[in-house]
Amino acid sequence: MKRILLSLIALGVLFVMSSVFIIDEREQVVVLQFGKPVRTILEPGLNVKLPFPFQELRTFDDRLLEYDSPPEEVLSRDKKSLIVDNYVRWKISEPLTFLKTVQSIPTALSRLDDIVYSQLRREIGTHDMAEIITENRELILEKVTAESKLATEQYGIEVVDVRIRRVDLPKENEKSIYARMDAERKRQANKFRSEGEEEAQKIRASTDKDKTIILANAYKIAQATRGEGEAKALEIYAKSYSADPEFYEFVRTLEAYKKIVDEKTTLVLPAKSKLFELLMD
């Protein structure tokens, strides 16, 4: 009797242990009854089910997952071949749908790779290489993420983000691409130098023109001032001469002596020369 009681107690404990289970915050569970899903548990905590083999659990990760896809070759709109290394962050949003369609993580990754690569190849094919590398990468990836998210909803998968880790050129194309890029940069540099030289010539021409105008105006003013001065001097000379002609002639003669006679000057002139009159007198 005691053995039967102990056996019943043991069976009861096993029944309780196989019926009670705990879900933590990293998990989500689909409960199956004879292989068919009966309910989905998304919240963490203590739960109860029928013991095996009546009901069993399929547990799926509830965290944000990352899939690093192998680098693939993609063709841009301007027919440039690029090696794109991208990765995807995703999560299982609908565990029941996930179980019915892909069932396991490896199968989900295979579908995810096909969808994301297809969207990435299609979107990159509508842009030139320069846009992909520098200008519009963020816009391209946002569109790829949105399209991939829409395409994976049927599998219970939510694509959170698609990112490009790096973009490389195929080895056989690198030299030619770099040569074309170098030639393009040199062409742009020569264009900028030519435009700069043209602008410099315009500035020099404008400066020379302004200089010529300024010098002409200055010369005009100087000549006018000089003419006014000479006229004033002649007027003064005329007044002086009319006031005392003899004294004026005396002063002018002395000024002439000062200009032409010094210690090194020898004059050979007739004694009756007009220049010697003052000295002879």
Protein backbone atom coordinates (compact mmCIF):
# COMPACT_ATOMS: atom_id res chain seq x y z
CA MET A 1 0.00 0.00 0.00
CA LYS A 2 2.81 2.35 0.88
CA ARG A 3 4.56 1.59 -2.39
CA ILE A 4 1.42 2.38 -4.35
CA LEU A 5 1.06 5.69 -2.50
CA LEU A 6 4.67 6.63 -3.17
CA SER A 7 4.25 5.74 -6.83
CA LEU A 8 1.15 7.90 -7.06
CA ILE A 9 2.98 10.78 -5.38
CA ALA A 10 5.91 10.35 -7.79
CA LEU A 11 3.56 10.30 -10.76
CA GLY A 12 1.84 13.41 -9.43
CA VAL A 13 5.17 15.22 -9.10
CA LEU A 14 6.18 14.19 -12.61
CA PHE A 15 2.81 15.33 -13.91
CA VAL A 16 3.18 18.72 -12.26
CA MET A 17 6.81 19.10 -13.42
CA SER A 18 5.90 18.23 -17.00
CA SER A 19 2.90 20.56 -16.94
CA VAL A 20 4.47 23.71 -15.45
CA PHE A 21 7.05 25.67 -17.39
CA ILE A 22 8.68 29.12 -17.22
CA ILE A 23 9.25 31.50 -20.10
CA ASP A 24 11.92 34.18 -19.64
CA GLU A 25 12.04 37.57 -21.37
CA ARG A 26 14.30 36.28 -24.16
CA GLU A 27 11.82 33.66 -25.39
CA GLN A 28 8.42 33.20 -27.01
CA VAL A 29 6.65 29.84 -27.18
CA VAL A 30 4.17 28.02 -29.39
CA VAL A 31 2.27 25.21 -27.63
CA LEU A 32 1.57 22.17 -29.83
CA GLN A 33 -1.07 19.55 -29.14
CA PHE A 34 -0.45 16.35 -31.04
CA GLY A 35 1.70 18.35 -33.45
CA LYS A 36 -0.84 21.13 -34.06
CA PRO A 37 -0.43 24.66 -32.63
CA VAL A 38 -3.06 25.57 -30.03
CA ARG A 39 -1.74 28.78 -28.52
CA THR A 40 1.15 31.25 -28.57
CA ILE A 41 2.75 32.68 -25.42
CA LEU A 42 4.62 35.93 -25.91
CA GLU A 43 4.90 37.22 -22.31
CA PRO A 44 7.50 35.90 -19.83
CA GLY A 45 6.36 34.13 -16.67
CA LEU A 46 4.99 30.87 -15.24
CA ASN A 47 2.65 28.84 -17.48
CA VAL A 48 0.85 25.48 -17.50
CA LYS A 49 0.29 22.91 -20.24
CA LEU A 50 -0.75 19.31 -20.57
CA PRO A 51 2.07 16.85 -19.96
CA PHE A 52 3.94 15.19 -22.80
CA PRO A 53 2.91 13.62 -25.14
CA PHE A 54 -0.36 15.54 -25.12
CA GLN A 55 1.27 18.92 -25.50
CA GLU A 56 4.80 20.02 -26.29
CA LEU A 57 6.61 23.37 -26.64
CA ARG A 58 8.42 25.02 -29.50
CA THR A 59 10.58 27.85 -28.22
CA PHE A 60 11.78 30.75 -30.38
CA ASP A 61 14.18 33.60 -29.67
CA ASP A 62 12.51 36.94 -28.88
CA ARG A 63 15.70 39.00 -29.13
CA LEU A 64 17.02 41.14 -31.97
CA LEU A 65 19.08 38.84 -34.20
CA GLU A 66 21.79 39.64 -36.71
CA TYR A 67 22.57 37.90 -39.97
CA ASP A 68 25.87 38.68 -41.67
CA SER A 69 25.44 37.66 -45.29
CA PRO A 70 28.47 36.80 -47.47
CA PRO A 71 29.67 39.54 -49.87
CA GLU A 72 27.87 39.47 -53.20
CA GLU A 73 28.54 41.11 -56.57
CA VAL A 74 26.00 43.75 -57.61
CA LEU A 75 25.76 45.82 -60.80
CA SER A 76 25.05 49.59 -60.55
CA ARG A 77 23.03 51.64 -63.04
CA ASP A 78 26.21 52.87 -64.76
CA LYS A 79 27.30 49.23 -65.26
CA LYS A 80 29.89 49.23 -62.48
CA SER A 81 30.41 45.88 -60.76
CA LEU A 82 30.54 46.23 -56.95
CA ILE A 83 31.20 43.72 -54.16
CA VAL A 84 28.67 44.57 -51.42
CA ASP A 85 29.13 43.25 -47.88
CA ASN A 86 25.88 43.77 -45.95
CA TYR A 87 24.23 42.53 -42.76
CA VAL A 88 20.64 42.36 -41.51
CA ARG A 89 19.14 42.88 -38.06
CA TRP A 90 15.88 41.01 -37.67
CA LYS A 91 13.54 39.34 -35.19
CA ILE A 92 10.78 36.73 -35.06
CA SER A 93 7.66 38.86 -34.83
CA GLU A 94 5.02 36.11 -35.27
CA PRO A 95 6.25 32.78 -33.86
CA LEU A 96 3.19 30.86 -35.04
CA THR A 97 3.57 32.11 -38.62
CA PHE A 98 7.30 31.46 -38.38
CA LEU A 99 6.62 27.86 -37.29
CA LYS A 100 4.12 27.25 -40.10
CA THR A 101 6.33 28.67 -42.86
CA VAL A 102 10.08 28.38 -42.23
CA GLN A 103 10.03 26.41 -38.92
CA SER A 104 13.72 26.90 -38.07
CA ILE A 105 16.41 29.60 -37.95
CA PRO A 106 18.62 28.16 -40.76
CA THR A 107 15.67 28.05 -43.17
CA ALA A 108 14.68 31.58 -42.12
CA LEU A 109 18.21 32.84 -42.80
CA SER A 110 18.14 31.28 -46.26
CA ARG A 111 14.86 33.04 -47.10
CA LEU A 112 16.10 36.26 -45.53
CA ASP A 113 19.30 36.17 -47.58
CA ASP A 114 17.38 35.67 -50.83
CA ILE A 115 14.91 38.48 -50.12
CA VAL A 116 17.41 41.07 -48.88
CA TYR A 117 19.91 40.35 -51.66
CA SER A 118 17.15 40.60 -54.26
CA GLN A 119 15.93 43.95 -52.88
CA LEU A 120 19.47 45.27 -52.52
CA ARG A 121 20.44 44.26 -56.05
CA ARG A 122 17.27 45.79 -57.51
CA GLU A 123 17.66 49.08 -55.64
CA ILE A 124 21.39 49.45 -56.32
CA GLY A 125 20.68 48.80 -60.00
CA THR A 126 18.75 52.09 -60.12
CA HIS A 127 21.68 54.20 -58.85
CA ASP A 128 25.14 55.14 -60.14
CA MET A 129 28.26 53.99 -58.30
CA ALA A 130 29.01 57.47 -56.92
CA GLU A 131 25.55 57.63 -55.31
CA ILE A 132 25.95 54.18 -53.76
CA ILE A 133 29.37 54.92 -52.29
CA THR A 134 28.77 58.44 -50.99
CA GLU A 135 25.64 60.43 -51.67
CA ASN A 136 22.49 58.30 -51.36
CA ARG A 137 23.56 55.24 -49.38
CA GLU A 138 21.26 55.98 -46.43
CA LEU A 139 18.24 56.51 -48.67
CA ILE A 140 19.01 53.30 -50.57
CA LEU A 141 19.27 51.27 -47.37
CA GLU A 142 16.08 52.75 -45.93
CA LYS A 143 14.19 51.69 -49.04
CA VAL A 144 15.77 48.21 -49.04
CA THR A 145 14.83 47.81 -45.34
CA ALA A 146 11.21 48.81 -45.99
CA GLU A 147 10.85 46.49 -49.00
CA SER A 148 12.52 43.58 -47.18
CA LYS A 149 10.32 44.08 -44.14
CA LEU A 150 7.22 43.93 -46.32
CA ALA A 151 8.43 40.80 -48.12
CA THR A 152 9.30 38.86 -44.93
CA GLU A 153 6.05 39.53 -43.03
CA GLN A 154 4.54 36.35 -44.55
CA TYR A 155 7.19 34.31 -42.69
CA GLY A 156 6.60 35.91 -39.30
CA ILE A 157 9.90 37.79 -39.62
CA GLU A 158 10.44 41.51 -39.06
CA VAL A 159 13.44 43.08 -40.78
CA VAL A 160 14.56 45.91 -38.49
CA ASP A 161 17.53 47.24 -40.43
CA VAL A 162 19.68 46.48 -43.47
CA ARG A 163 23.20 47.93 -43.41
CA ILE A 164 26.16 47.88 -45.79
CA ARG A 165 29.41 47.17 -44.02
CA ARG A 166 31.60 47.97 -47.02
CA VAL A 167 31.54 48.30 -50.81
CA ASP A 168 34.55 47.12 -52.82
CA LEU A 169 35.45 46.93 -56.46
CA PRO A 170 36.30 43.60 -58.05
CA LYS A 171 40.06 43.11 -58.20
CA GLU A 172 40.14 43.07 -61.99
CA ASN A 173 38.29 46.42 -62.17
CA GLU A 174 40.10 48.36 -59.46
CA LYS A 175 42.96 49.70 -61.60
CA SER A 176 40.74 50.88 -64.44
CA ILE A 177 38.23 52.43 -62.04
CA TYR A 178 40.97 54.19 -60.09
CA ALA A 179 42.53 55.42 -63.36
CA ARG A 180 39.19 56.85 -64.50
CA MET A 181 38.63 58.43 -61.09
CA ASP A 182 42.13 59.96 -61.20
CA ALA A 183 41.53 61.30 -64.72
CA GLU A 184 38.18 62.74 -63.67
CA ARG A 185 39.72 64.45 -60.64
CA LYS A 186 42.50 65.89 -62.80
CA ARG A 187 39.94 67.11 -65.34
CA GLN A 188 38.00 68.82 -62.57
CA ALA A 189 41.22 70.32 -61.16
CA ASN A 190 42.22 71.67 -64.60
CA LYS A 191 38.73 73.09 -65.04
CA PHE A 192 38.93 74.86 -61.67
CA ARG A 193 42.43 76.19 -62.51
CA SER A 194 41.21 77.45 -65.89
CA GLU A 195 38.19 79.14 -64.33
CA GLY A 196 40.43 80.63 -61.62
CA GLU A 197 42.91 81.95 -64.21
CA GLU A 198 40.05 83.44 -66.23
CA GLU A 199 38.70 85.16 -63.14
CA ALA A 200 42.21 86.39 -62.26
CA GLN A 201 42.60 87.86 -65.76
CA LYS A 202 39.29 89.69 -65.37
CA ILE A 203 40.39 91.08 -62.01
CA ARG A 204 43.80 92.14 -63.41
CA ALA A 205 42.15 93.80 -66.42
CA SER A 206 39.70 95.63 -64.20
CA THR A 207 42.53 96.70 -61.88
CA ASP A 208 44.69 97.90 -64.79
CA LYS A 209 41.73 99.85 -66.15
CA ASP A 210 41.11 101.48 -62.78
CA LYS A 211 44.83 102.23 -62.46
CA THR A 212 44.93 103.87 -65.90
CA ILE A 213 41.86 105.99 -65.10
CA ILE A 214 43.30 107.04 -61.72
CA LEU A 215 46.68 107.95 -63.25
CA ALA A 216 44.98 109.87 -66.08
CA ASN A 217 42.85 111.81 -63.63
CA ALA A 218 45.88 112.48 -61.44
CA TYR A 219 47.92 113.66 -64.46
CA LYS A 220 45.03 115.87 -65.54
CA ILE A 221 44.78 117.41 -62.06
CA ALA A 222 48.59 117.79 -61.86
CA GLN A 223 48.75 119.53 -65.24
CA ALA A 224 45.88 121.80 -64.30
CA THR A 225 47.56 122.62 -60.99
CA ARG A 226 50.93 123.16 -62.70
CA GLY A 227 49.30 125.43 -65.30
CA GLU A 228 47.62 127.46 -62.58
CA GLY A 229 50.93 127.73 -60.73
CA GLU A 230 52.83 128.84 -63.80
CA ALA A 231 50.16 131.37 -64.65
CA LYS A 232 50.34 132.70 -61.10
CA ALA A 233 54.15 132.85 -61.34
CA LEU A 234 54.01 134.72 -64.64
CA GLU A 235 51.55 137.12 -63.12
CA ILE A 236 53.89 137.71 -60.19
CA TYR A 237 56.87 138.12 -62.55
CA ALA A 238 54.91 140.59 -64.65
CA LYS A 239 53.93 142.63 -61.61
CA SER A 240 57.51 142.61 -60.37
CA TYR A 241 58.89 143.65 -63.76
CA SER A 242 56.37 146.45 -64.14
CA ALA A 243 57.14 147.73 -60.64
CA ASP A 244 60.95 148.02 -61.21
CA PRO A 245 62.29 146.72 -64.52
CA GLU A 246 65.94 147.41 -63.77
CA PHE A 247 65.88 145.63 -60.42
CA TYR A 248 63.98 142.74 -61.95
CA GLU A 249 66.59 142.41 -64.71
CA PHE A 250 69.34 142.58 -62.05
CA VAL A 251 67.77 139.74 -60.06
CA ARG A 252 67.24 137.60 -63.13
CA THR A 253 70.86 138.10 -64.15
CA LEU A 254 72.08 137.00 -60.73
CA GLU A 255 69.89 133.92 -60.98
CA ALA A 256 71.45 133.19 -64.37
CA TYR A 257 74.96 133.51 -62.86
CA LYS A 258 73.96 131.09 -60.10
CA LYS A 259 72.77 128.49 -62.58
CA ILE A 260 75.65 128.61 -65.10
CA VAL A 261 78.69 129.73 -63.13
CA ASP A 262 80.44 127.60 -60.49
CA GLU A 263 84.02 126.55 -59.57
CA LYS A 264 84.29 124.17 -62.53
CA THR A 265 82.74 126.42 -65.16
CA THR A 266 84.79 128.37 -67.67
CA LEU A 267 82.99 130.80 -69.95
CA VAL A 268 84.57 132.01 -73.14
CA LEU A 269 82.46 134.91 -74.38
CA PRO A 270 83.14 138.34 -75.92
CA ALA A 271 83.66 141.06 -73.34
CA LYS A 272 80.71 142.95 -74.81
CA SER A 273 78.37 139.97 -74.18
CA LYS A 274 75.11 140.87 -72.55
CA LEU A 275 75.90 138.32 -69.82
CA PHE A 276 79.04 140.20 -68.73
CA GLU A 277 77.51 143.68 -68.57
CA LEU A 278 76.75 143.45 -64.86
CA LEU A 279 80.23 142.16 -64.07
CA MET A 280 81.93 144.77 -66.26
CA ASP A 281 79.93 147.61 -64.78
